[in-house]
């Protein structure tokens, strides 16, 4: 079983209907995760493109097995 890793990233897009995000991981120009679930306790108004986010990856081979759990400027 893989261990959970925490990553910092930049929000590139937010789907407020399905509560999913597209995130570019910090330090990588090519690694973008799409369809990442967003914690429901984050207000949709906070999910603004270019904001910093924290992402927990539970399985590095499955980006759907992750969650955006924090957002800041």
PDB file of N, CA and C in Angstrom:
ATOM      1  N   UNK A   1       0.845  -1.176   0.000  1.00  0.00           N
ATOM      2  CA  UNK A   1       0.000   0.000   0.000  1.00  0.00           C
ATOM      3  C   UNK A   1       0.888   1.237   0.000  1.00  0.00           C
ATOM      4  N   UNK A   2       0.568   2.185  -0.869  1.00  0.00           N
ATOM      5  CA  UNK A   2       1.345   3.421  -0.981  1.00  0.00           C
ATOM      6  C   UNK A   2       1.040   4.337   0.198  1.00  0.00           C
ATOM      7  N   UNK A   3       2.013   5.148   0.548  1.00  0.00           N
ATOM      8  CA  UNK A   3       1.791   6.087   1.632  1.00  0.00           C
ATOM      9  C   UNK A   3       1.310   7.421   1.063  1.00  0.00           C
ATOM     10  N   UNK A   4       0.593   8.159   1.881  1.00  0.00           N
ATOM     11  CA  UNK A   4       0.062   9.459   1.489  1.00  0.00           C
ATOM     12  C   UNK A   4       1.182  10.475   1.421  1.00  0.00           C
ATOM     13  N   UNK A   5       1.152  11.296   0.361  1.00  0.00           N
ATOM     14  CA  UNK A   5       2.107  12.389   0.237  1.00  0.00           C
ATOM     15  C   UNK A   5       1.337  13.688   0.082  1.00  0.00           C
ATOM     16  N   UNK A   6       1.904  14.759   0.607  1.00  0.00           N
ATOM     17  CA  UNK A   6       1.307  16.089   0.530  1.00  0.00           C
ATOM     18  C   UNK A   6       2.116  16.910  -0.461  1.00  0.00           C
ATOM     19  N   UNK A   7       1.413  17.589  -1.372  1.00  0.00           N
ATOM     20  CA  UNK A   7       2.068  18.405  -2.393  1.00  0.00           C
ATOM     21  C   UNK A   7       1.461  19.795  -2.415  1.00  0.00           C
ATOM     22  N   UNK A   8       2.271  20.747  -2.772  1.00  0.00           N
ATOM     23  CA  UNK A   8       1.813  22.109  -2.994  1.00  0.00           C
ATOM     24  C   UNK A   8       1.620  22.285  -4.495  1.00  0.00           C
ATOM     25  N   UNK A   9       0.638  23.084  -4.874  1.00  0.00           N
ATOM     26  CA  UNK A   9       0.408  23.301  -6.288  1.00  0.00           C
ATOM     27  C   UNK A   9      -0.289  24.616  -6.547  1.00  0.00           C
ATOM     28  N   UNK A  10      -0.591  24.839  -7.826  1.00  0.00           N
ATOM     29  CA  UNK A  10      -1.295  26.030  -8.269  1.00  0.00           C
ATOM     30  C   UNK A  10      -2.594  25.598  -8.931  1.00  0.00           C
ATOM     31  N   UNK A  11      -3.688  26.215  -8.520  1.00  0.00           N
ATOM     32  CA  UNK A  11      -4.981  25.891  -9.103  1.00  0.00           C
ATOM     33  C   UNK A  11      -5.054  26.430 -10.523  1.00  0.00           C
ATOM     34  N   UNK A  12      -5.327  25.571 -11.469  1.00  0.00           N
ATOM     35  CA  UNK A  12      -5.432  25.951 -12.877  1.00  0.00           C
ATOM     36  C   UNK A  12      -6.885  26.031 -13.330  1.00  0.00           C
ATOM     37  N   UNK A  13      -7.758  25.231 -12.734  1.00  0.00           N
ATOM     38  CA  UNK A  13      -9.178  25.258 -13.083  1.00  0.00           C
ATOM     39  C   UNK A  13      -9.986  24.634 -11.954  1.00  0.00           C
ATOM     40  N   UNK A  14     -11.253  25.066 -11.848  1.00  0.00           N
ATOM     41  CA  UNK A  14     -12.149  24.505 -10.837  1.00  0.00           C
ATOM     42  C   UNK A  14     -13.519  24.277 -11.456  1.00  0.00           C
ATOM     43  N   UNK A  15     -14.030  23.075 -11.300  1.00  0.00           N
ATOM     44  CA  UNK A  15     -15.363  22.698 -11.753  1.00  0.00           C
ATOM     45  C   UNK A  15     -16.269  22.717 -10.529  1.00  0.00           C
ATOM     46  N   UNK A  16     -17.024  23.816 -10.368  1.00  0.00           N
ATOM     47  CA  UNK A  16     -17.883  23.986  -9.204  1.00  0.00           C
ATOM     48  C   UNK A  16     -19.126  23.116  -9.211  1.00  0.00           C
ATOM     49  N   UNK A  17     -19.462  22.523 -10.346  1.00  0.00           N
ATOM     50  CA  UNK A  17     -20.617  21.624 -10.420  1.00  0.00           C
ATOM     51  C   UNK A  17     -20.252  20.263  -9.842  1.00  0.00           C
ATOM     52  N   UNK A  18     -19.100  19.742 -10.269  1.00  0.00           N
ATOM     53  CA  UNK A  18     -18.660  18.419  -9.811  1.00  0.00           C
ATOM     54  C   UNK A  18     -17.642  18.483  -8.686  1.00  0.00           C
ATOM     55  N   UNK A  19     -17.239  19.687  -8.296  1.00  0.00           N
ATOM     56  CA  UNK A  19     -16.307  19.936  -7.192  1.00  0.00           C
ATOM     57  C   UNK A  19     -14.961  19.246  -7.447  1.00  0.00           C
ATOM     58  N   UNK A  20     -14.421  19.508  -8.655  1.00  0.00           N
ATOM     59  CA  UNK A  20     -13.140  18.928  -9.068  1.00  0.00           C
ATOM     60  C   UNK A  20     -12.191  20.035  -9.495  1.00  0.00           C
ATOM     61  N   UNK A  21     -10.894  19.804  -9.313  1.00  0.00           N
ATOM     62  CA  UNK A  21      -9.882  20.806  -9.650  1.00  0.00           C
ATOM     63  C   UNK A  21      -8.844  20.248 -10.614  1.00  0.00           C
ATOM     64  N   UNK A  22      -8.241  21.166 -11.349  1.00  0.00           N
ATOM     65  CA  UNK A  22      -7.042  20.870 -12.127  1.00  0.00           C
ATOM     66  C   UNK A  22      -5.915  21.625 -11.457  1.00  0.00           C
ATOM     67  N   UNK A  23      -4.848  20.925 -11.116  1.00  0.00           N
ATOM     68  CA  UNK A  23      -3.762  21.489 -10.320  1.00  0.00           C
ATOM     69  C   UNK A  23      -2.425  21.211 -10.989  1.00  0.00           C
ATOM     70  N   UNK A  24      -1.574  22.235 -11.035  1.00  0.00           N
ATOM     71  CA  UNK A  24      -0.186  22.060 -11.474  1.00  0.00           C
ATOM     72  C   UNK A  24       0.657  21.935 -10.217  1.00  0.00           C
ATOM     73  N   UNK A  25       1.367  20.826 -10.080  1.00  0.00           N
ATOM     74  CA  UNK A  25       2.191  20.626  -8.894  1.00  0.00           C
ATOM     75  C   UNK A  25       3.409  21.548  -8.924  1.00  0.00           C
ATOM     76  N   UNK A  26       3.756  22.100  -7.779  1.00  0.00           N
ATOM     77  CA  UNK A  26       4.901  22.991  -7.663  1.00  0.00           C
ATOM     78  C   UNK A  26       6.180  22.252  -8.034  1.00  0.00           C
ATOM     79  N   UNK A  27       7.012  22.923  -8.822  1.00  0.00           N
ATOM     80  CA  UNK A  27       8.285  22.342  -9.221  1.00  0.00           C
ATOM     81  C   UNK A  27       8.222  21.555 -10.508  1.00  0.00           C
ATOM     82  N   UNK A  28       7.040  21.476 -11.094  1.00  0.00           N
ATOM     83  CA  UNK A  28       6.908  20.721 -12.339  1.00  0.00           C
ATOM     84  C   UNK A  28       6.072  21.506 -13.337  1.00  0.00           C
ATOM     85  N   UNK A  29       6.654  21.775 -14.483  1.00  0.00           N
ATOM     86  CA  UNK A  29       5.919  22.468 -15.534  1.00  0.00           C
ATOM     87  C   UNK A  29       4.996  21.523 -16.281  1.00  0.00           C
ATOM     88  N   UNK A  30       5.274  20.222 -16.198  1.00  0.00           N
ATOM     89  CA  UNK A  30       4.541  19.250 -17.004  1.00  0.00           C
ATOM     90  C   UNK A  30       3.524  18.424 -16.235  1.00  0.00           C
ATOM     91  N   UNK A  31       3.605  18.401 -14.913  1.00  0.00           N
ATOM     92  CA  UNK A  31       2.686  17.556 -14.150  1.00  0.00           C
ATOM     93  C   UNK A  31       1.464  18.368 -13.734  1.00  0.00           C
ATOM     94  N   UNK A  32       0.358  18.090 -14.412  1.00  0.00           N
ATOM     95  CA  UNK A  32      -0.931  18.675 -14.065  1.00  0.00           C
ATOM     96  C   UNK A  32      -1.858  17.523 -13.706  1.00  0.00           C
ATOM     97  N   UNK A  33      -2.554  17.657 -12.612  1.00  0.00           N
ATOM     98  CA  UNK A  33      -3.529  16.654 -12.195  1.00  0.00           C
ATOM     99  C   UNK A  33      -4.909  17.211 -12.499  1.00  0.00           C
ATOM    100  N   UNK A  34      -5.731  16.445 -13.182  1.00  0.00           N
ATOM    101  CA  UNK A  34      -7.087  16.895 -13.471  1.00  0.00           C
ATOM    102  C   UNK A  34      -8.089  15.963 -12.814  1.00  0.00           C
ATOM    103  N   UNK A  35      -9.254  16.501 -12.513  1.00  0.00           N
ATOM    104  CA  UNK A  35     -10.293  15.693 -11.878  1.00  0.00           C
ATOM    105  C   UNK A  35     -10.007  15.375 -10.432  1.00  0.00           C
ATOM    106  N   UNK A  36      -9.249  16.249  -9.762  1.00  0.00           N
ATOM    107  CA  UNK A  36      -8.919  16.013  -8.346  1.00  0.00           C
ATOM    108  C   UNK A  36     -10.083  16.511  -7.487  1.00  0.00           C
ATOM    109  N   UNK A  37     -10.652  15.667  -6.652  1.00  0.00           N
ATOM    110  CA  UNK A  37     -11.734  16.105  -5.774  1.00  0.00           C
ATOM    111  C   UNK A  37     -11.267  17.221  -4.835  1.00  0.00           C
ATOM    112  N   UNK A  38     -12.202  18.120  -4.523  1.00  0.00           N
ATOM    113  CA  UNK A  38     -11.924  19.245  -3.626  1.00  0.00           C
ATOM    114  C   UNK A  38     -12.740  19.048  -2.358  1.00  0.00           C
ATOM    115  N   UNK A  39     -12.112  19.273  -1.202  1.00  0.00           N
ATOM    116  CA  UNK A  39     -12.815  19.153   0.075  1.00  0.00           C
ATOM    117  C   UNK A  39     -14.014  20.098   0.087  1.00  0.00           C
ATOM    118  N   UNK A  40     -15.152  19.605   0.502  1.00  0.00           N
ATOM    119  CA  UNK A  40     -16.393  20.378   0.472  1.00  0.00           C
ATOM    120  C   UNK A  40     -16.427  21.511   1.493  1.00  0.00           C
ATOM    121  N   UNK A  41     -15.488  21.531   2.428  1.00  0.00           N
ATOM    122  CA  UNK A  41     -15.459  22.628   3.398  1.00  0.00           C
ATOM    123  C   UNK A  41     -14.769  23.869   2.843  1.00  0.00           C
ATOM    124  N   UNK A  42     -14.236  23.787   1.623  1.00  0.00           N
ATOM    125  CA  UNK A  42     -13.628  24.948   0.972  1.00  0.00           C
ATOM    126  C   UNK A  42     -14.721  25.649   0.159  1.00  0.00           C
ATOM    127  N   UNK A  43     -14.929  26.928   0.442  1.00  0.00           N
ATOM    128  CA  UNK A  43     -15.950  27.691  -0.277  1.00  0.00           C
ATOM    129  C   UNK A  43     -15.574  27.797  -1.758  1.00  0.00           C
ATOM    130  N   UNK A  44     -16.551  27.653  -2.635  1.00  0.00           N
ATOM    131  CA  UNK A  44     -16.273  27.718  -4.071  1.00  0.00           C
ATOM    132  C   UNK A  44     -15.668  29.061  -4.461  1.00  0.00           C
ATOM    133  N   UNK A  45     -16.005  30.120  -3.743  1.00  0.00           N
ATOM    134  CA  UNK A  45     -15.446  31.434  -4.017  1.00  0.00           C
ATOM    135  C   UNK A  45     -13.954  31.530  -3.749  1.00  0.00           C
ATOM    136  N   UNK A  46     -13.422  30.604  -2.992  1.00  0.00           N
ATOM    137  CA  UNK A  46     -11.985  30.562  -2.698  1.00  0.00           C
ATOM    138  C   UNK A  46     -11.191  29.862  -3.794  1.00  0.00           C
ATOM    139  N   UNK A  47     -11.883  29.117  -4.641  1.00  0.00           N
ATOM    140  CA  UNK A  47     -11.221  28.329  -5.680  1.00  0.00           C
ATOM    141  C   UNK A  47     -11.011  29.179  -6.937  1.00  0.00           C
ATOM    142  N   UNK A  48     -10.078  30.109  -6.818  1.00  0.00           N
ATOM    143  CA  UNK A  48      -9.773  31.059  -7.888  1.00  0.00           C
ATOM    144  C   UNK A  48      -8.484  30.622  -8.579  1.00  0.00           C
ATOM    145  N   UNK A  49      -8.513  30.622  -9.923  1.00  0.00           N
ATOM    146  CA  UNK A  49      -7.342  30.246 -10.699  1.00  0.00           C
ATOM    147  C   UNK A  49      -6.111  31.014 -10.241  1.00  0.00           C
ATOM    148  N   UNK A  50      -4.994  30.340 -10.166  1.00  0.00           N
ATOM    149  CA  UNK A  50      -3.672  30.852  -9.758  1.00  0.00           C
ATOM    150  C   UNK A  50      -3.445  30.860  -8.249  1.00  0.00           C
ATOM    151  N   UNK A  51      -4.439  30.497  -7.466  1.00  0.00           N
ATOM    152  CA  UNK A  51      -4.212  30.411  -6.022  1.00  0.00           C
ATOM    153  C   UNK A  51      -3.427  29.154  -5.702  1.00  0.00           C
ATOM    154  N   UNK A  52      -2.747  29.178  -4.573  1.00  0.00           N
ATOM    155  CA  UNK A  52      -1.966  28.035  -4.100  1.00  0.00           C
ATOM    156  C   UNK A  52      -2.909  27.044  -3.431  1.00  0.00           C
ATOM    157  N   UNK A  53      -2.633  25.758  -3.616  1.00  0.00           N
ATOM    158  CA  UNK A  53      -3.441  24.710  -3.005  1.00  0.00           C
ATOM    159  C   UNK A  53      -2.538  23.636  -2.407  1.00  0.00           C
ATOM    160  N   UNK A  54      -3.089  22.911  -1.445  1.00  0.00           N
ATOM    161  CA  UNK A  54      -2.425  21.742  -0.878  1.00  0.00           C
ATOM    162  C   UNK A  54      -3.203  20.511  -1.325  1.00  0.00           C
ATOM    163  N   UNK A  55      -2.466  19.515  -1.791  1.00  0.00           N
ATOM    164  CA  UNK A  55      -3.078  18.300  -2.327  1.00  0.00           C
ATOM    165  C   UNK A  55      -2.509  17.092  -1.590  1.00  0.00           C
ATOM    166  N   UNK A  56      -3.384  16.242  -1.105  1.00  0.00           N
ATOM    167  CA  UNK A  56      -2.960  14.966  -0.522  1.00  0.00           C
ATOM    168  C   UNK A  56      -3.146  13.898  -1.594  1.00  0.00           C
ATOM    169  N   UNK A  57      -2.059  13.191  -1.912  1.00  0.00           N
ATOM    170  CA  UNK A  57      -2.117  12.081  -2.866  1.00  0.00           C
ATOM    171  C   UNK A  57      -2.041  10.775  -2.076  1.00  0.00           C
ATOM    172  N   UNK A  58      -3.109  10.007  -2.142  1.00  0.00           N
ATOM    173  CA  UNK A  58      -3.156   8.750  -1.420  1.00  0.00           C
ATOM    174  C   UNK A  58      -2.558   7.611  -2.236  1.00  0.00           C
ATOM    175  N   UNK A  59      -2.636   7.755  -3.565  1.00  0.00           N
ATOM    176  CA  UNK A  59      -2.063   6.778  -4.484  1.00  0.00           C
ATOM    177  C   UNK A  59      -1.475   7.565  -5.655  1.00  0.00           C
ATOM    178  N   UNK A  60      -0.151   7.648  -5.767  1.00  0.00           N
ATOM    179  CA  UNK A  60       0.469   8.478  -6.799  1.00  0.00           C
ATOM    180  C   UNK A  60       0.165   8.026  -8.231  1.00  0.00           C
ATOM    181  N   UNK A  61      -0.380   6.829  -8.408  1.00  0.00           N
ATOM    182  CA  UNK A  61      -0.722   6.360  -9.748  1.00  0.00           C
ATOM    183  C   UNK A  61      -2.179   6.637 -10.112  1.00  0.00           C
ATOM    184  N   UNK A  62      -2.945   7.207  -9.176  1.00  0.00           N
ATOM    185  CA  UNK A  62      -4.370   7.453  -9.408  1.00  0.00           C
ATOM    186  C   UNK A  62      -4.734   8.833  -8.885  1.00  0.00           C
ATOM    187  N   UNK A  63      -4.794   9.821  -9.781  1.00  0.00           N
ATOM    188  CA  UNK A  63      -5.051  11.194  -9.355  1.00  0.00           C
ATOM    189  C   UNK A  63      -6.460  11.388  -8.803  1.00  0.00           C
ATOM    190  N   UNK A  64      -7.375  10.481  -9.075  1.00  0.00           N
ATOM    191  CA  UNK A  64      -8.708  10.560  -8.485  1.00  0.00           C
ATOM    192  C   UNK A  64      -8.682  10.141  -7.020  1.00  0.00           C
ATOM    193  N   UNK A  65      -7.599   9.488  -6.602  1.00  0.00           N
ATOM    194  CA  UNK A  65      -7.436   9.079  -5.203  1.00  0.00           C
ATOM    195  C   UNK A  65      -6.580  10.133  -4.498  1.00  0.00           C
ATOM    196  N   UNK A  66      -7.080  11.367  -4.569  1.00  0.00           N
ATOM    197  CA  UNK A  66      -6.397  12.517  -3.994  1.00  0.00           C
ATOM    198  C   UNK A  66      -7.461  13.505  -3.558  1.00  0.00           C
ATOM    199  N   UNK A  67      -7.040  14.579  -2.884  1.00  0.00           N
ATOM    200  CA  UNK A  67      -7.986  15.621  -2.498  1.00  0.00           C
ATOM    201  C   UNK A  67      -7.235  16.947  -2.326  1.00  0.00           C
ATOM    202  N   UNK A  68      -7.851  18.024  -2.824  1.00  0.00           N
ATOM    203  CA  UNK A  68      -7.380  19.373  -2.514  1.00  0.00           C
ATOM    204  C   UNK A  68      -7.995  19.696  -1.167  1.00  0.00           C
ATOM    205  N   UNK A  69      -7.161  19.969  -0.156  1.00  0.00           N
ATOM    206  CA  UNK A  69      -7.704  20.171   1.187  1.00  0.00           C
ATOM    207  C   UNK A  69      -7.434  21.555   1.763  1.00  0.00           C
ATOM    208  N   UNK A  70      -6.700  22.398   1.039  1.00  0.00           N
ATOM    209  CA  UNK A  70      -6.437  23.761   1.508  1.00  0.00           C
ATOM    210  C   UNK A  70      -6.180  24.661   0.313  1.00  0.00           C
ATOM    211  N   UNK A  71      -6.500  25.945   0.490  1.00  0.00           N
ATOM    212  CA  UNK A  71      -6.255  26.942  -0.549  1.00  0.00           C
ATOM    213  C   UNK A  71      -5.840  28.246   0.120  1.00  0.00           C
ATOM    214  N   UNK A  72      -4.890  28.948  -0.484  1.00  0.00           N
ATOM    215  CA  UNK A  72      -4.449  30.243   0.030  1.00  0.00           C
ATOM    216  C   UNK A  72      -3.946  31.093  -1.119  1.00  0.00           C
ATOM    217  N   UNK A  73      -3.711  32.357  -0.823  1.00  0.00           N
ATOM    218  CA  UNK A  73      -3.235  33.284  -1.857  1.00  0.00           C
ATOM    219  C   UNK A  73      -1.799  33.006  -2.194  1.00  0.00           C
TER     220      UNK A  73
END
